[in-house]
């Protein structure tokens, strides 16, 4: 019997707070294991959207982080 190989995703998640315009907001980065591809996110909504697309197999691997930490 052949075992079906199921998808597997592994990331190192980093979260940090930044202060701007009188409020604190969160930034995030994901580093994909084992290849080290890194993505930055300006907010948690973008991070969760990226993870949902990655789990669905539709995430664009060419998206590059911007200077403000967001992914394009």
PDB file of N, CA and C in Angstrom:
ATOM      1  N   UNK A   1       0.831  -1.170   0.000  1.00  0.00           N
ATOM      2  CA  UNK A   1       0.000   0.000   0.000  1.00  0.00           C
ATOM      3  C   UNK A   1       0.889   1.251   0.000  1.00  0.00           C
ATOM      4  N   UNK A   2       0.575   2.200  -0.889  1.00  0.00           N
ATOM      5  CA  UNK A   2       1.340   3.436  -1.000  1.00  0.00           C
ATOM      6  C   UNK A   2       0.685   4.508  -0.134  1.00  0.00           C
ATOM      7  N   UNK A   3       1.496   5.134   0.705  1.00  0.00           N
ATOM      8  CA  UNK A   3       0.982   6.222   1.544  1.00  0.00           C
ATOM      9  C   UNK A   3       0.931   7.507   0.727  1.00  0.00           C
ATOM     10  N   UNK A   4      -0.203   8.198   0.811  1.00  0.00           N
ATOM     11  CA  UNK A   4      -0.340   9.480   0.138  1.00  0.00           C
ATOM     12  C   UNK A   4       0.451  10.531   0.911  1.00  0.00           C
ATOM     13  N   UNK A   5       1.260  11.290   0.187  1.00  0.00           N
ATOM     14  CA  UNK A   5       2.032  12.359   0.831  1.00  0.00           C
ATOM     15  C   UNK A   5       1.172  13.620   0.870  1.00  0.00           C
ATOM     16  N   UNK A   6       0.823  14.049   2.055  1.00  0.00           N
ATOM     17  CA  UNK A   6      -0.015  15.225   2.237  1.00  0.00           C
ATOM     18  C   UNK A   6       0.840  16.488   2.268  1.00  0.00           C
ATOM     19  N   UNK A   7       0.265  17.618   1.857  1.00  0.00           N
ATOM     20  CA  UNK A   7       1.021  18.875   1.877  1.00  0.00           C
ATOM     21  C   UNK A   7       1.495  19.215   3.294  1.00  0.00           C
ATOM     22  N   UNK A   8       2.637  19.884   3.350  1.00  0.00           N
ATOM     23  CA  UNK A   8       3.216  20.285   4.626  1.00  0.00           C
ATOM     24  C   UNK A   8       3.847  21.655   4.441  1.00  0.00           C
ATOM     25  N   UNK A   9       3.512  22.586   5.296  1.00  0.00           N
ATOM     26  CA  UNK A   9       4.098  23.923   5.273  1.00  0.00           C
ATOM     27  C   UNK A   9       4.742  24.195   6.626  1.00  0.00           C
ATOM     28  N   UNK A  10       5.945  24.758   6.609  1.00  0.00           N
ATOM     29  CA  UNK A  10       6.626  25.105   7.854  1.00  0.00           C
ATOM     30  C   UNK A  10       7.188  26.516   7.720  1.00  0.00           C
ATOM     31  N   UNK A  11       6.902  27.349   8.722  1.00  0.00           N
ATOM     32  CA  UNK A  11       7.349  28.737   8.727  1.00  0.00           C
ATOM     33  C   UNK A  11       7.868  29.109  10.108  1.00  0.00           C
ATOM     34  N   UNK A  12       8.811  30.041  10.120  1.00  0.00           N
ATOM     35  CA  UNK A  12       9.195  30.727  11.348  1.00  0.00           C
ATOM     36  C   UNK A  12       8.444  32.054  11.329  1.00  0.00           C
ATOM     37  N   UNK A  13       7.620  32.297  12.329  1.00  0.00           N
ATOM     38  CA  UNK A  13       6.808  33.508  12.416  1.00  0.00           C
ATOM     39  C   UNK A  13       7.456  34.485  13.385  1.00  0.00           C
ATOM     40  N   UNK A  14       7.604  35.742  12.947  1.00  0.00           N
ATOM     41  CA  UNK A  14       8.089  36.813  13.819  1.00  0.00           C
ATOM     42  C   UNK A  14       7.022  37.900  13.864  1.00  0.00           C
ATOM     43  N   UNK A  15       6.706  38.385  15.060  1.00  0.00           N
ATOM     44  CA  UNK A  15       5.738  39.464  15.261  1.00  0.00           C
ATOM     45  C   UNK A  15       6.390  40.556  16.090  1.00  0.00           C
ATOM     46  N   UNK A  16       6.144  41.823  15.724  1.00  0.00           N
ATOM     47  CA  UNK A  16       6.648  42.926  16.520  1.00  0.00           C
ATOM     48  C   UNK A  16       5.689  44.110  16.414  1.00  0.00           C
ATOM     49  N   UNK A  17       5.665  44.904  17.470  1.00  0.00           N
ATOM     50  CA  UNK A  17       4.795  46.075  17.525  1.00  0.00           C
ATOM     51  C   UNK A  17       5.573  47.306  17.079  1.00  0.00           C
ATOM     52  N   UNK A  18       4.874  48.205  16.380  1.00  0.00           N
ATOM     53  CA  UNK A  18       5.445  49.493  15.995  1.00  0.00           C
ATOM     54  C   UNK A  18       4.466  50.584  16.404  1.00  0.00           C
ATOM     55  N   UNK A  19       5.019  51.711  16.818  1.00  0.00           N
ATOM     56  CA  UNK A  19       4.184  52.831  17.243  1.00  0.00           C
ATOM     57  C   UNK A  19       4.187  53.867  16.123  1.00  0.00           C
ATOM     58  N   UNK A  20       3.014  54.349  15.790  1.00  0.00           N
ATOM     59  CA  UNK A  20       2.898  55.372  14.759  1.00  0.00           C
ATOM     60  C   UNK A  20       1.561  56.076  14.862  1.00  0.00           C
ATOM     61  N   UNK A  21       1.583  57.386  14.711  1.00  0.00           N
ATOM     62  CA  UNK A  21       0.372  58.200  14.759  1.00  0.00           C
ATOM     63  C   UNK A  21      -0.451  57.940  16.020  1.00  0.00           C
ATOM     64  N   UNK A  22       0.228  57.803  17.150  1.00  0.00           N
ATOM     65  CA  UNK A  22      -0.453  57.646  18.427  1.00  0.00           C
ATOM     66  C   UNK A  22      -1.039  56.279  18.708  1.00  0.00           C
ATOM     67  N   UNK A  23      -0.754  55.302  17.870  1.00  0.00           N
ATOM     68  CA  UNK A  23      -1.279  53.957  18.125  1.00  0.00           C
ATOM     69  C   UNK A  23      -0.213  52.909  17.834  1.00  0.00           C
ATOM     70  N   UNK A  24      -0.433  51.739  18.368  1.00  0.00           N
ATOM     71  CA  UNK A  24       0.478  50.619  18.153  1.00  0.00           C
ATOM     72  C   UNK A  24      -0.144  49.689  17.127  1.00  0.00           C
ATOM     73  N   UNK A  25       0.651  49.277  16.160  1.00  0.00           N
ATOM     74  CA  UNK A  25       0.186  48.279  15.199  1.00  0.00           C
ATOM     75  C   UNK A  25       1.234  47.171  15.116  1.00  0.00           C
ATOM     76  N   UNK A  26       0.814  46.049  14.594  1.00  0.00           N
ATOM     77  CA  UNK A  26       1.675  44.876  14.541  1.00  0.00           C
ATOM     78  C   UNK A  26       2.172  44.630  13.131  1.00  0.00           C
ATOM     79  N   UNK A  27       3.421  44.229  13.041  1.00  0.00           N
ATOM     80  CA  UNK A  27       4.043  43.796  11.791  1.00  0.00           C
ATOM     81  C   UNK A  27       4.395  42.324  11.960  1.00  0.00           C
ATOM     82  N   UNK A  28       4.577  41.655  10.841  1.00  0.00           N
ATOM     83  CA  UNK A  28       4.896  40.228  10.897  1.00  0.00           C
ATOM     84  C   UNK A  28       5.812  39.863   9.746  1.00  0.00           C
ATOM     85  N   UNK A  29       6.576  38.816   9.943  1.00  0.00           N
ATOM     86  CA  UNK A  29       7.315  38.212   8.843  1.00  0.00           C
ATOM     87  C   UNK A  29       7.234  36.702   8.990  1.00  0.00           C
ATOM     88  N   UNK A  30       7.238  36.048   7.841  1.00  0.00           N
ATOM     89  CA  UNK A  30       7.272  34.589   7.786  1.00  0.00           C
ATOM     90  C   UNK A  30       8.515  34.180   7.030  1.00  0.00           C
ATOM     91  N   UNK A  31       9.240  33.228   7.569  1.00  0.00           N
ATOM     92  CA  UNK A  31      10.377  32.649   6.867  1.00  0.00           C
ATOM     93  C   UNK A  31      10.047  31.193   6.597  1.00  0.00           C
ATOM     94  N   UNK A  32      10.000  30.840   5.319  1.00  0.00           N
ATOM     95  CA  UNK A  32       9.632  29.480   4.947  1.00  0.00           C
ATOM     96  C   UNK A  32      10.812  28.547   5.204  1.00  0.00           C
ATOM     97  N   UNK A  33      10.518  27.445   5.841  1.00  0.00           N
ATOM     98  CA  UNK A  33      11.510  26.421   6.127  1.00  0.00           C
ATOM     99  C   UNK A  33      11.346  25.343   5.055  1.00  0.00           C
ATOM    100  N   UNK A  34      12.313  24.810   4.424  1.00  0.00           N
ATOM    101  CA  UNK A  34      13.746  24.958   4.669  1.00  0.00           C
ATOM    102  C   UNK A  34      14.448  25.951   3.753  1.00  0.00           C
ATOM    103  N   UNK A  35      13.753  26.574   2.777  1.00  0.00           N
ATOM    104  CA  UNK A  35      14.464  27.383   1.778  1.00  0.00           C
ATOM    105  C   UNK A  35      14.769  28.813   2.217  1.00  0.00           C
ATOM    106  N   UNK A  36      14.206  29.274   3.336  1.00  0.00           N
ATOM    107  CA  UNK A  36      14.528  30.592   3.858  1.00  0.00           C
ATOM    108  C   UNK A  36      13.831  31.751   3.171  1.00  0.00           C
ATOM    109  N   UNK A  37      12.912  31.472   2.243  1.00  0.00           N
ATOM    110  CA  UNK A  37      12.159  32.547   1.590  1.00  0.00           C
ATOM    111  C   UNK A  37      11.411  33.330   2.660  1.00  0.00           C
ATOM    112  N   UNK A  38      11.551  34.653   2.647  1.00  0.00           N
ATOM    113  CA  UNK A  38      10.969  35.487   3.701  1.00  0.00           C
ATOM    114  C   UNK A  38       9.969  36.475   3.110  1.00  0.00           C
ATOM    115  N   UNK A  39       8.840  36.620   3.789  1.00  0.00           N
ATOM    116  CA  UNK A  39       7.796  37.564   3.402  1.00  0.00           C
ATOM    117  C   UNK A  39       7.499  38.460   4.595  1.00  0.00           C
ATOM    118  N   UNK A  40       7.232  39.734   4.324  1.00  0.00           N
ATOM    119  CA  UNK A  40       6.858  40.673   5.370  1.00  0.00           C
ATOM    120  C   UNK A  40       5.423  41.126   5.197  1.00  0.00           C
ATOM    121  N   UNK A  41       4.774  41.476   6.308  1.00  0.00           N
ATOM    122  CA  UNK A  41       3.366  41.857   6.295  1.00  0.00           C
ATOM    123  C   UNK A  41       3.158  43.084   7.168  1.00  0.00           C
ATOM    124  N   UNK A  42       2.402  44.041   6.644  1.00  0.00           N
ATOM    125  CA  UNK A  42       2.137  45.280   7.365  1.00  0.00           C
ATOM    126  C   UNK A  42       1.076  45.107   8.433  1.00  0.00           C
ATOM    127  N   UNK A  43       0.255  44.067   8.320  1.00  0.00           N
ATOM    128  CA  UNK A  43      -0.764  43.829   9.338  1.00  0.00           C
ATOM    129  C   UNK A  43      -1.132  42.347   9.374  1.00  0.00           C
ATOM    130  N   UNK A  44      -1.829  41.975  10.421  1.00  0.00           N
ATOM    131  CA  UNK A  44      -2.157  40.564  10.626  1.00  0.00           C
ATOM    132  C   UNK A  44      -3.160  40.051   9.595  1.00  0.00           C
ATOM    133  N   UNK A  45      -4.022  40.928   9.088  1.00  0.00           N
ATOM    134  CA  UNK A  45      -4.980  40.525   8.057  1.00  0.00           C
ATOM    135  C   UNK A  45      -4.245  40.024   6.810  1.00  0.00           C
ATOM    136  N   UNK A  46      -3.198  40.750   6.390  1.00  0.00           N
ATOM    137  CA  UNK A  46      -2.416  40.328   5.230  1.00  0.00           C
ATOM    138  C   UNK A  46      -1.701  39.003   5.495  1.00  0.00           C
ATOM    139  N   UNK A  47      -1.181  38.839   6.709  1.00  0.00           N
ATOM    140  CA  UNK A  47      -0.523  37.589   7.091  1.00  0.00           C
ATOM    141  C   UNK A  47      -1.486  36.414   6.989  1.00  0.00           C
ATOM    142  N   UNK A  48      -2.669  36.565   7.560  1.00  0.00           N
ATOM    143  CA  UNK A  48      -3.644  35.472   7.525  1.00  0.00           C
ATOM    144  C   UNK A  48      -4.101  35.178   6.102  1.00  0.00           C
ATOM    145  N   UNK A  49      -4.255  36.210   5.286  1.00  0.00           N
ATOM    146  CA  UNK A  49      -4.620  36.008   3.886  1.00  0.00           C
ATOM    147  C   UNK A  49      -3.556  35.216   3.146  1.00  0.00           C
ATOM    148  N   UNK A  50      -2.293  35.552   3.394  1.00  0.00           N
ATOM    149  CA  UNK A  50      -1.188  34.823   2.767  1.00  0.00           C
ATOM    150  C   UNK A  50      -1.219  33.350   3.164  1.00  0.00           C
ATOM    151  N   UNK A  51      -1.403  33.085   4.457  1.00  0.00           N
ATOM    152  CA  UNK A  51      -1.430  31.698   4.924  1.00  0.00           C
ATOM    153  C   UNK A  51      -2.609  30.931   4.328  1.00  0.00           C
ATOM    154  N   UNK A  52      -3.760  31.579   4.213  1.00  0.00           N
ATOM    155  CA  UNK A  52      -4.914  30.916   3.600  1.00  0.00           C
ATOM    156  C   UNK A  52      -4.623  30.556   2.149  1.00  0.00           C
ATOM    157  N   UNK A  53      -4.000  31.479   1.403  1.00  0.00           N
ATOM    158  CA  UNK A  53      -3.661  31.194   0.004  1.00  0.00           C
ATOM    159  C   UNK A  53      -2.603  30.104  -0.092  1.00  0.00           C
ATOM    160  N   UNK A  54      -1.630  30.119   0.815  1.00  0.00           N
ATOM    161  CA  UNK A  54      -0.589  29.089   0.804  1.00  0.00           C
ATOM    162  C   UNK A  54      -1.194  27.712   1.058  1.00  0.00           C
ATOM    163  N   UNK A  55      -2.131  27.631   1.996  1.00  0.00           N
ATOM    164  CA  UNK A  55      -2.770  26.344   2.298  1.00  0.00           C
ATOM    165  C   UNK A  55      -3.650  25.877   1.150  1.00  0.00           C
ATOM    166  N   UNK A  56      -4.195  26.817   0.385  1.00  0.00           N
ATOM    167  CA  UNK A  56      -5.022  26.461  -0.767  1.00  0.00           C
ATOM    168  C   UNK A  56      -4.161  26.150  -1.990  1.00  0.00           C
ATOM    169  N   UNK A  57      -2.850  26.409  -1.881  1.00  0.00           N
ATOM    170  CA  UNK A  57      -1.942  26.136  -2.988  1.00  0.00           C
ATOM    171  C   UNK A  57      -1.963  27.203  -4.061  1.00  0.00           C
ATOM    172  N   UNK A  58      -2.463  28.401  -3.730  1.00  0.00           N
ATOM    173  CA  UNK A  58      -2.580  29.455  -4.728  1.00  0.00           C
ATOM    174  C   UNK A  58      -1.663  30.635  -4.472  1.00  0.00           C
ATOM    175  N   UNK A  59      -0.836  30.584  -3.448  1.00  0.00           N
ATOM    176  CA  UNK A  59       0.002  31.736  -3.119  1.00  0.00           C
ATOM    177  C   UNK A  59       1.057  31.946  -4.200  1.00  0.00           C
ATOM    178  N   UNK A  60       1.204  33.200  -4.620  1.00  0.00           N
ATOM    179  CA  UNK A  60       2.195  33.580  -5.618  1.00  0.00           C
ATOM    180  C   UNK A  60       3.564  33.637  -4.950  1.00  0.00           C
ATOM    181  N   UNK A  61       4.440  32.727  -5.325  1.00  0.00           N
ATOM    182  CA  UNK A  61       5.760  32.650  -4.706  1.00  0.00           C
ATOM    183  C   UNK A  61       6.624  33.852  -5.060  1.00  0.00           C
ATOM    184  N   UNK A  62       6.212  34.654  -6.041  1.00  0.00           N
ATOM    185  CA  UNK A  62       7.023  35.799  -6.434  1.00  0.00           C
ATOM    186  C   UNK A  62       6.723  37.050  -5.622  1.00  0.00           C
ATOM    187  N   UNK A  63       5.742  37.006  -4.719  1.00  0.00           N
ATOM    188  CA  UNK A  63       5.419  38.189  -3.915  1.00  0.00           C
ATOM    189  C   UNK A  63       6.628  38.567  -3.074  1.00  0.00           C
ATOM    190  N   UNK A  64       7.021  39.814  -3.157  1.00  0.00           N
ATOM    191  CA  UNK A  64       8.206  40.280  -2.445  1.00  0.00           C
ATOM    192  C   UNK A  64       7.820  41.263  -1.357  1.00  0.00           C
ATOM    193  N   UNK A  65       8.498  41.206  -0.210  1.00  0.00           N
ATOM    194  CA  UNK A  65       8.209  42.155   0.856  1.00  0.00           C
ATOM    195  C   UNK A  65       8.607  43.572   0.450  1.00  0.00           C
ATOM    196  N   UNK A  66       7.913  44.551   0.992  1.00  0.00           N
ATOM    197  CA  UNK A  66       8.251  45.949   0.751  1.00  0.00           C
ATOM    198  C   UNK A  66       9.002  46.488   1.954  1.00  0.00           C
ATOM    199  N   UNK A  67       9.489  47.711   1.847  1.00  0.00           N
ATOM    200  CA  UNK A  67      10.248  48.313   2.941  1.00  0.00           C
ATOM    201  C   UNK A  67       9.431  48.476   4.206  1.00  0.00           C
ATOM    202  N   UNK A  68       8.099  48.630   4.085  1.00  0.00           N
ATOM    203  CA  UNK A  68       7.279  48.803   5.283  1.00  0.00           C
ATOM    204  C   UNK A  68       6.864  47.478   5.903  1.00  0.00           C
ATOM    205  N   UNK A  69       7.365  46.372   5.353  1.00  0.00           N
ATOM    206  CA  UNK A  69       7.065  45.062   5.914  1.00  0.00           C
ATOM    207  C   UNK A  69       5.911  44.364   5.249  1.00  0.00           C
ATOM    208  N   UNK A  70       5.258  45.016   4.289  1.00  0.00           N
ATOM    209  CA  UNK A  70       4.129  44.369   3.625  1.00  0.00           C
ATOM    210  C   UNK A  70       4.615  43.558   2.434  1.00  0.00           C
ATOM    211  N   UNK A  71       3.809  42.606   2.010  1.00  0.00           N
ATOM    212  CA  UNK A  71       4.147  41.791   0.845  1.00  0.00           C
ATOM    213  C   UNK A  71       3.415  42.337  -0.362  1.00  0.00           C
ATOM    214  N   UNK A  72       4.108  42.405  -1.492  1.00  0.00           N
ATOM    215  CA  UNK A  72       3.470  42.843  -2.732  1.00  0.00           C
ATOM    216  C   UNK A  72       3.209  41.652  -3.613  1.00  0.00           C
TER     217      UNK A  72
END
